[in-house]
Protein backbone atom coordinates (compact mmCIF):
# COMPACT_ATOMS: atom_id res chain seq x y z
CA UNK A 1 42.07 -20.57 -14.33
CA UNK A 2 40.42 -17.18 -13.65
CA UNK A 3 40.10 -16.00 -10.08
CA UNK A 4 36.71 -15.13 -8.70
CA UNK A 5 37.79 -11.51 -8.23
CA UNK A 6 39.12 -10.87 -11.76
CA UNK A 7 36.31 -12.80 -13.42
CA UNK A 8 33.71 -11.04 -11.30
CA UNK A 9 35.12 -7.63 -12.23
CA UNK A 10 35.09 -8.46 -15.94
CA UNK A 11 31.56 -9.82 -15.72
CA UNK A 12 30.35 -6.84 -13.74
CA UNK A 13 31.73 -4.44 -16.35
CA UNK A 14 30.09 -6.41 -19.14
CA UNK A 15 26.74 -6.57 -17.35
CA UNK A 16 26.77 -2.93 -16.25
CA UNK A 17 27.39 -1.82 -19.83
CA UNK A 18 24.01 -3.30 -20.76
CA UNK A 19 22.18 -0.75 -18.62
CA UNK A 20 24.50 2.25 -18.93
CA UNK A 21 22.57 5.56 -19.21
CA UNK A 22 23.56 8.65 -21.05
CA UNK A 23 26.50 10.71 -19.84
CA UNK A 24 25.81 13.09 -16.96
CA UNK A 25 22.97 11.03 -15.60
CA UNK A 26 23.37 9.13 -12.35
CA UNK A 27 19.86 7.89 -11.75
CA UNK A 28 18.21 4.53 -12.31
CA UNK A 29 17.25 4.05 -15.93
CA UNK A 30 13.68 3.24 -16.90
CA UNK A 31 14.72 -0.35 -17.52
CA UNK A 32 16.35 -0.59 -14.10
CA UNK A 33 13.22 0.76 -12.41
CA UNK A 34 11.02 -1.65 -14.36
CA UNK A 35 13.29 -4.58 -13.53
CA UNK A 36 13.48 -3.71 -9.84
CA UNK A 37 9.72 -3.21 -9.41
CA UNK A 38 8.68 -6.27 -11.42
CA UNK A 39 11.16 -8.61 -9.70
CA UNK A 40 10.26 -7.22 -6.26
CA UNK A 41 6.60 -7.87 -7.09
CA UNK A 42 7.41 -11.53 -7.86
CA UNK A 43 8.98 -11.84 -4.42
CA UNK A 44 5.97 -10.12 -2.88
CA UNK A 45 3.41 -12.33 -4.66
CA UNK A 46 5.16 -15.50 -3.49
CA UNK A 47 5.82 -14.30 0.03
CA UNK A 48 2.30 -12.96 0.61
CA UNK A 49 0.88 -16.40 0.00
CA UNK A 50 3.45 -18.01 2.27
CA UNK A 51 3.11 -15.43 5.05
CA UNK A 52 -0.69 -15.75 5.07
CA UNK A 53 -0.57 -19.21 6.64
CA UNK A 54 1.89 -18.37 9.42
CA UNK A 55 -0.56 -16.71 11.87
CA UNK A 56 -3.43 -19.18 11.27
CA UNK A 57 -2.18 -22.58 10.13
CA UNK A 58 -1.69 -24.11 13.60
CA UNK A 59 -5.28 -23.20 14.52
CA UNK A 60 -6.58 -24.73 11.29
CA UNK A 61 -4.46 -27.90 11.59
CA UNK A 62 -6.09 -28.89 14.89
CA UNK A 63 -9.30 -29.59 12.99
CA UNK A 64 -7.69 -32.11 10.61
CA UNK A 65 -7.90 -35.86 11.30
CA UNK A 66 -4.13 -36.07 11.82
CA UNK A 67 -3.61 -32.50 13.03
CA UNK A 68 -3.17 -33.10 16.76
CA UNK A 69 0.48 -34.10 16.46
CA UNK A 70 2.40 -30.87 17.11
CA UNK A 71 5.54 -32.28 15.54
CA UNK A 72 3.71 -33.02 12.27
CA UNK A 73 2.16 -29.56 12.29
CA UNK A 74 5.66 -28.14 12.67
CA UNK A 75 6.82 -30.34 9.79
CA UNK A 76 4.04 -28.99 7.58
CA UNK A 77 5.19 -25.47 8.40
CA UNK A 78 8.90 -26.15 8.05
CA UNK A 79 9.08 -28.55 5.10
CA UNK A 80 8.92 -25.61 2.70
CA UNK A 81 12.14 -24.12 4.07
CA UNK A 82 13.85 -27.50 4.17
CA UNK A 83 13.17 -28.12 0.47
CA UNK A 84 14.37 -24.61 -0.30
CA UNK A 85 17.64 -25.31 1.52
CA UNK A 86 18.24 -28.38 -0.65
CA UNK A 87 17.47 -26.69 -3.96
CA UNK A 88 18.67 -23.08 -3.76
CA UNK A 89 22.20 -24.01 -4.82
CA UNK A 90 21.39 -26.30 -7.78
CA UNK A 91 18.71 -23.96 -9.13
CA UNK A 92 20.95 -20.92 -8.67
CA UNK A 93 23.74 -22.77 -10.48
CA UNK A 94 21.29 -23.80 -13.22
CA UNK A 95 20.22 -20.18 -13.73
CA UNK A 96 23.86 -19.34 -14.51
CA UNK A 97 23.77 -21.93 -17.28
CA UNK A 98 20.32 -21.77 -18.88
CA UNK A 99 19.24 -18.25 -17.90
CA UNK A 100 17.19 -16.68 -15.11
CA UNK A 101 13.69 -16.63 -16.62
CA UNK A 102 13.39 -20.36 -17.45
CA UNK A 103 14.35 -21.27 -13.89
CA UNK A 104 11.98 -18.67 -12.44
CA UNK A 105 9.01 -19.87 -14.50
CA UNK A 106 9.69 -23.54 -13.70
CA UNK A 107 9.97 -22.77 -9.99
CA UNK A 108 6.74 -20.79 -10.01
CA UNK A 109 4.93 -23.66 -11.76
CA UNK A 110 6.00 -25.94 -8.91
CA UNK A 111 4.79 -23.32 -6.43
CA UNK A 112 1.38 -23.21 -8.17
CA UNK A 113 1.13 -27.02 -8.28
CA UNK A 114 2.03 -27.34 -4.60
CA UNK A 115 -0.63 -24.83 -3.61
CA UNK A 116 -3.30 -26.76 -5.53
CA UNK A 117 -2.23 -30.06 -3.94
CA UNK A 118 -2.47 -28.53 -0.46
CA UNK A 119 -5.82 -26.87 -1.27
CA UNK A 120 -7.33 -30.20 -2.26
CA UNK A 121 -5.96 -32.15 0.72
CA UNK A 122 -8.07 -32.85 3.77
CA UNK A 123 -5.22 -34.38 5.78
CA UNK A 124 -2.00 -32.98 7.17
CA UNK A 125 -0.04 -35.55 5.13
CA UNK A 126 -1.45 -34.15 1.89
CA UNK A 127 -0.63 -30.60 2.96
CA UNK A 128 2.94 -31.67 3.74
CA UNK A 129 3.25 -33.00 0.17
CA UNK A 130 1.86 -29.75 -1.23
CA UNK A 131 4.18 -27.64 0.89
CA UNK A 132 7.12 -29.77 -0.26
CA UNK A 133 6.24 -29.08 -3.89
CA UNK A 134 6.00 -25.37 -3.13
CA UNK A 135 9.44 -25.44 -1.53
CA UNK A 136 10.93 -27.15 -4.57
CA UNK A 137 10.33 -23.92 -6.48
CA UNK A 138 13.45 -22.39 -4.90
CA UNK A 139 13.90 -19.39 -7.18
CA UNK A 140 15.09 -16.72 -4.76
CA UNK A 141 18.67 -17.00 -6.02
CA UNK A 142 17.57 -16.74 -9.66
CA UNK A 143 15.42 -13.66 -8.93
CA UNK A 144 18.16 -11.94 -6.95
CA UNK A 145 20.74 -12.77 -9.64
CA UNK A 146 18.36 -11.36 -12.25
CA UNK A 147 18.17 -8.09 -10.32
CA UNK A 148 21.97 -7.99 -10.30
CA UNK A 149 22.05 -8.71 -14.05
CA UNK A 150 19.68 -5.84 -14.83
CA UNK A 151 21.02 -3.08 -12.55
CA UNK A 152 24.32 -1.26 -12.28
CA UNK A 153 26.36 -1.52 -9.10
CA UNK A 154 25.57 2.02 -7.93
CA UNK A 155 21.84 1.19 -7.92
CA UNK A 156 21.93 -2.49 -6.98
CA UNK A 157 21.44 -2.06 -3.24
CA UNK A 158 18.54 0.29 -3.97
CA UNK A 159 16.97 -2.45 -6.10
CA UNK A 160 17.58 -5.03 -3.37
CA UNK A 161 15.96 -2.62 -0.88
CA UNK A 162 12.82 -2.68 -3.04
CA UNK A 163 12.76 -6.45 -2.64
CA UNK A 164 13.31 -6.20 1.11
CA UNK A 165 10.60 -3.56 1.35
CA UNK A 166 8.14 -5.68 -0.60
CA UNK A 167 8.78 -8.62 1.73
CA UNK A 168 8.34 -6.44 4.82
CA UNK A 169 5.10 -4.97 3.53
CA UNK A 170 3.66 -8.35 2.60
CA UNK A 171 4.56 -9.68 6.05
CA UNK A 172 2.74 -6.78 7.69
CA UNK A 173 -0.23 -7.18 5.31
CA UNK A 174 -0.46 -10.91 6.05
CA UNK A 175 -0.77 -10.18 9.78
CA UNK A 176 -3.75 -7.94 9.00
CA UNK A 177 -5.72 -10.12 6.58
CA UNK A 178 -4.82 -13.75 7.46
CA UNK A 179 -7.48 -14.28 10.11
CA UNK A 180 -10.33 -12.69 8.11
CA UNK A 181 -9.35 -14.77 5.07
CA UNK A 182 -9.33 -17.98 7.13
CA UNK A 183 -12.84 -17.30 8.33
CA UNK A 184 -14.13 -16.28 4.87
CA UNK A 185 -12.50 -18.71 2.43
CA UNK A 186 -10.87 -21.26 4.74
CA UNK A 187 -7.39 -22.72 4.52
CA UNK A 188 -8.12 -24.47 1.18
CA UNK A 189 -9.07 -21.06 -0.17
CA UNK A 190 -5.82 -19.54 1.12
CA UNK A 191 -3.80 -22.30 -0.58
CA UNK A 192 -5.77 -21.70 -3.79
CA UNK A 193 -5.03 -17.98 -3.45
CA UNK A 194 -1.33 -18.84 -3.20
CA UNK A 195 -1.54 -20.63 -6.53
CA UNK A 196 -3.37 -17.71 -8.14
CA UNK A 197 -0.68 -15.34 -6.89
CA UNK A 198 1.89 -17.74 -8.39
CA UNK A 199 0.14 -17.55 -11.77
CA UNK A 200 0.25 -13.75 -11.61
CA UNK A 201 3.97 -13.98 -10.79
CA UNK A 202 4.52 -16.15 -13.89
CA UNK A 203 2.79 -13.53 -16.06
CA UNK A 204 4.94 -10.79 -14.53
CA UNK A 205 8.06 -12.86 -15.26
CA UNK A 206 7.12 -13.46 -18.87
CA UNK A 207 5.75 -10.05 -19.83
CA UNK A 208 7.08 -7.39 -17.43
CA UNK A 209 10.57 -8.49 -16.35
CA UNK A 210 13.16 -7.29 -18.90
CA UNK A 211 15.14 -10.10 -20.49
CA UNK A 212 18.55 -10.17 -18.79
CA UNK A 213 21.76 -10.59 -20.77
CA UNK A 214 22.68 -14.22 -21.51
CA UNK A 215 24.71 -16.03 -18.85
CA UNK A 216 28.31 -14.86 -18.84
CA UNK A 217 30.68 -17.33 -20.54
CA UNK A 218 33.19 -17.34 -17.64
CA UNK A 219 32.83 -20.56 -15.66
CA UNK A 220 34.19 -20.50 -12.13
CA UNK A 221 34.78 -23.69 -10.13
CA UNK A 222 32.03 -24.09 -7.55
CA UNK A 223 34.73 -24.52 -4.91
CA UNK A 224 36.02 -20.98 -5.58
CA UNK A 225 32.53 -19.60 -4.96
CA UNK A 226 31.94 -21.73 -1.86
CA UNK A 227 35.29 -20.89 -0.22
CA UNK A 228 35.60 -17.22 -1.14
CA UNK A 229 36.27 -15.39 2.19
CA UNK A 230 34.15 -12.36 1.31
CA UNK A 231 31.20 -14.58 0.43
CA UNK A 232 31.68 -16.72 3.54
CA UNK A 233 31.31 -13.62 5.74
CA UNK A 234 28.04 -12.77 4.01
CA UNK A 235 26.76 -16.36 4.24
CA UNK A 236 27.53 -16.46 7.97
CA UNK A 237 25.74 -13.14 8.24
CA UNK A 238 22.50 -14.18 6.61
CA UNK A 239 22.40 -17.38 8.72
CA UNK A 240 22.86 -15.37 11.93
CA UNK A 241 20.37 -12.71 10.83
CA UNK A 242 17.52 -15.08 10.08
CA UNK A 243 18.22 -17.47 12.94
CA UNK A 244 17.91 -14.55 15.36
CA UNK A 245 14.80 -13.27 13.56
CA UNK A 246 12.92 -16.55 13.90
CA UNK A 247 14.08 -17.16 17.47
CA UNK A 248 13.08 -13.72 18.72
CA UNK A 249 9.66 -13.89 17.06
CA UNK A 250 8.95 -17.02 19.05
CA UNK A 251 8.98 -14.70 22.09
CA UNK A 252 7.94 -11.21 20.93
CA UNK A 253 4.24 -12.04 20.28
CA UNK A 254 3.90 -13.38 23.84
CA UNK A 255 5.60 -10.24 25.17
CA UNK A 256 3.10 -8.05 23.32
CA UNK A 257 0.21 -10.11 24.68
CA UNK A 258 1.56 -9.88 28.21
CA UNK A 259 1.86 -6.10 27.76
CA UNK A 260 -1.89 -5.88 27.10
CA UNK A 261 -2.03 -6.19 23.29
CA UNK A 262 -4.40 -9.01 22.21
CA UNK A 263 -3.07 -11.39 19.56
CA UNK A 264 -5.52 -10.25 16.89
CA UNK A 265 -4.37 -6.64 17.45
CA UNK A 266 -0.62 -7.23 17.02
CA UNK A 267 -0.79 -5.94 13.44
CA UNK A 268 -1.43 -2.49 14.90
CA UNK A 269 2.14 -2.64 16.22
CA UNK A 270 3.85 -4.43 13.33
CA UNK A 271 2.40 -2.38 10.46
CA UNK A 272 3.40 1.13 11.63
CA UNK A 273 6.75 -0.11 12.94
CA UNK A 274 7.61 -1.67 9.56
CA UNK A 275 6.52 1.44 7.65
CA UNK A 276 8.49 3.84 9.86
CA UNK A 277 11.55 1.58 9.66
CA UNK A 278 11.56 1.94 5.87
CA UNK A 279 11.86 5.71 6.28
CA UNK A 280 14.59 5.48 8.91
CA UNK A 281 16.68 3.07 6.83
CA UNK A 282 17.05 5.64 4.02
CA UNK A 283 19.84 7.57 5.76
CA UNK A 284 22.14 4.57 6.30
CA UNK A 285 21.39 3.27 2.81
CA UNK A 286 22.27 6.65 1.29
CA UNK A 287 25.53 6.74 3.25
CA UNK A 288 26.42 3.26 1.97
CA UNK A 289 25.41 3.88 -1.64
CA UNK A 290 26.44 7.45 -2.35
CA UNK A 291 29.36 7.96 0.00
CA UNK A 292 31.02 4.54 -0.04
CA UNK A 293 30.32 3.77 3.63
CA UNK A 294 29.37 0.14 3.05
CA UNK A 295 31.60 -1.33 5.75
CA UNK A 296 30.69 1.05 8.62
CA UNK A 297 26.98 0.90 7.77
CA UNK A 298 26.95 -2.92 7.66
CA UNK A 299 28.96 -3.27 10.87
CA UNK A 300 26.82 -0.63 12.55
CA UNK A 301 23.64 -2.48 11.59
CA UNK A 302 25.02 -5.76 12.98
CA UNK A 303 26.00 -3.96 16.19
CA UNK A 304 22.50 -2.49 16.45
CA UNK A 305 20.95 -5.94 15.94
CA UNK A 306 23.11 -7.27 18.77
CA UNK A 307 22.05 -4.42 21.06
CA UNK A 308 18.40 -5.02 20.17
CA UNK A 309 18.56 -8.57 21.53
CA UNK A 310 20.00 -7.36 24.84
CA UNK A 311 17.35 -4.65 25.04
CA UNK A 312 14.60 -7.21 24.47
CA UNK A 313 15.98 -9.26 27.35
CA UNK A 314 15.55 -6.25 29.65
CA UNK A 315 12.62 -4.25 28.26
CA UNK A 316 9.22 -4.00 29.96
CA UNK A 317 6.00 -2.33 28.89
CA UNK A 318 4.29 -1.99 25.51
CA UNK A 319 6.02 1.19 24.37
CA UNK A 320 9.42 -0.18 25.27
CA UNK A 321 8.75 -3.26 23.15
CA UNK A 322 7.53 -1.09 20.27
CA UNK A 323 10.68 1.06 20.42
CA UNK A 324 13.01 -1.94 20.37
CA UNK A 325 11.00 -3.52 17.53
CA UNK A 326 11.52 -0.33 15.51
CA UNK A 327 15.28 -0.54 16.02
CA UNK A 328 15.18 -4.20 15.00
CA UNK A 329 13.36 -3.55 11.73
CA UNK A 330 15.66 -0.63 10.81
CA UNK A 331 18.76 -2.80 11.23
CA UNK A 332 17.10 -5.84 9.65
CA UNK A 333 15.95 -3.96 6.56
CA UNK A 334 19.38 -2.39 6.02
CA UNK A 335 21.10 -5.79 6.24
CA UNK A 336 18.48 -7.47 4.05
CA UNK A 337 19.15 -4.92 1.32
CA UNK A 338 22.94 -4.70 1.56
CA UNK A 339 23.98 -8.33 1.87
CA UNK A 340 22.58 -9.82 -1.37
CA UNK A 341 23.85 -6.76 -3.25
CA UNK A 342 27.35 -7.43 -1.91
CA UNK A 343 27.08 -11.11 -2.88
CA UNK A 344 26.30 -10.11 -6.46
CA UNK A 345 29.31 -7.76 -6.52
CA UNK A 346 31.78 -10.28 -5.11
CA UNK A 347 30.68 -13.05 -7.50
CA UNK A 348 29.42 -11.34 -10.64
CA UNK A 349 30.58 -14.18 -12.90
CA UNK A 350 28.73 -16.77 -10.81
CA UNK A 351 25.89 -14.80 -9.26
CA UNK A 352 23.38 -17.61 -9.43
CA UNK A 353 25.64 -20.11 -7.67
CA UNK A 354 26.77 -17.58 -5.05
CA UNK A 355 23.23 -16.44 -4.32
CA UNK A 356 22.13 -20.07 -4.21
CA UNK A 357 24.64 -20.71 -1.41
CA UNK A 358 23.54 -17.47 0.27
CA UNK A 359 19.85 -18.44 0.17
CA UNK A 360 20.66 -21.94 1.39
CA UNK A 361 22.40 -20.60 4.48
CA UNK A 362 19.44 -18.26 4.96
CA UNK A 363 17.08 -21.26 4.95
CA UNK A 364 19.38 -23.06 7.39
CA UNK A 365 19.22 -20.00 9.64
CA UNK A 366 15.42 -20.09 9.60
CA UNK A 367 15.47 -23.74 10.61
CA UNK A 368 18.12 -23.34 13.32
CA UNK A 369 16.42 -20.25 14.73
CA UNK A 370 13.22 -22.19 15.24
CA UNK A 371 14.85 -25.37 16.55
CA UNK A 372 17.42 -23.83 18.90
CA UNK A 373 15.19 -20.90 19.89
CA UNK A 374 12.39 -23.31 20.80
CA UNK A 375 14.76 -25.42 22.90
CA UNK A 376 16.07 -22.35 24.76
CA UNK A 377 12.56 -21.05 25.35
CA UNK A 378 11.39 -24.39 26.74
CA UNK A 379 14.35 -25.08 29.00
CA UNK A 380 15.81 -21.68 29.90
CA UNK A 381 13.10 -19.05 29.37
CA UNK A 382 12.61 -15.93 27.28
CA UNK A 383 15.73 -14.04 28.31
CA UNK A 384 17.91 -16.98 27.25
CA UNK A 385 16.51 -16.75 23.72
CA UNK A 386 17.54 -13.12 23.40
CA UNK A 387 20.93 -13.67 25.01
CA UNK A 388 21.55 -16.61 22.67
CA UNK A 389 20.65 -14.39 19.70
CA UNK A 390 23.00 -11.68 20.98
CA UNK A 391 25.87 -14.18 21.20
CA UNK A 392 25.29 -15.38 17.63
CA UNK A 393 25.12 -11.80 16.32
CA UNK A 394 28.25 -10.83 18.25
CA UNK A 395 30.11 -13.71 16.59
CA UNK A 396 28.89 -12.41 13.23
CA UNK A 397 30.19 -8.94 14.11
CA UNK A 398 33.61 -10.40 14.95
CA UNK A 399 33.74 -12.40 11.70
CA UNK A 400 32.58 -9.43 9.61
CA UNK A 401 34.98 -6.95 11.26
CA UNK A 402 37.82 -7.63 8.80
CA UNK A 403 35.64 -7.22 5.72
CA UNK A 404 37.12 -4.98 3.07
CA UNK A 405 35.09 -2.09 1.77
CA UNK A 406 34.07 -2.74 -1.84
CA UNK A 407 35.93 -0.52 -4.32
CA UNK A 408 34.32 2.87 -4.85
CA UNK A 409 32.05 2.90 -7.86
CA UNK A 410 32.29 5.37 -10.68
CA UNK A 411 29.32 7.57 -11.33
CA UNK A 412 27.58 7.19 -14.66
CA UNK A 413 29.27 10.29 -16.06
CA UNK A 414 32.69 9.04 -14.99
CA UNK A 415 32.04 5.64 -16.49
CA UNK A 416 31.04 7.12 -19.83
CA UNK A 417 34.06 9.48 -19.81
CA UNK A 418 36.35 6.54 -19.09
């Protein structure tokens, strides 16, 4: 029975040979650039639609016949993530067997159908059904595995950074345009827009995304993927990262409002902070990619995230909040780019399954961050939320401390010479 390490190395070599450039060239190939941009755009098209409802859905739901139950409103918001948590693993596993594109197209069709159901529902119950259908299109693992299939190791984190950047930009854009859209086309129009964006994503998948190599014939036991220590560290990491993200953003908007920034003006903070963070993350990413500093960069980013939570617990004033937010987004963007890339390297022969587990723990983190963060905020106050996040991130730092640096990659010229 092949080990996950030896099988992953063989699979990685086979996959990387598909995109190997000419000798002496150590840049992304045209195909790698096309794959990275097109797959990042699929993420962006899906996430823009989903992000658009976050700032405005609660306000809209109060006008529905059954929209005064806060718990049901929360269910309508959270059911998407819950369905994703159930289906990331089986759909990631399926993409290893039948290919990435069929799974991506099927998931996007469910996303489109769910948006149309929600758009044509005039009750919260109907919207919950629509959101459930949208969540069943859990294709994040298949998309991320496709990126890994179509890029070489030395450029994989760069490709993942494009995905992270697209998500960050769509989040910032949604904060700017959500309220105007609600007042111009209404929530049914926003749900319809989601479906239209899903149709565009299907067209991108079919006509712009390069066809990845067929699934690798090596079949690893699911248990070996689930219990691999390197992958466990990364799964713990993404759970801690997104739990702390959701929990802290239950508090940060109120802090900005208390500092004199009206709610409808918060985008003026988020947008420039996100854009500047993309620039500041380039140095750490370059150190990790070009100079083999993956371990110190990852541990440093986790340490910075931990410090950010403690700073939030103590900071006062608008500019102090803005400065700490900038540090948060720098660390968050670095970790968002590095972690899925490392998953694909540790489990090349079972990328879909490994990334399915990874995305499932991410979804669990989103749920736990909201549930536990809300409890702490209600019973213990704002500072307790940040201290709780700091404790979780510190535990992640301790667990990740013994991670081994991935083996140094060969440059393109060295690979061809070998």
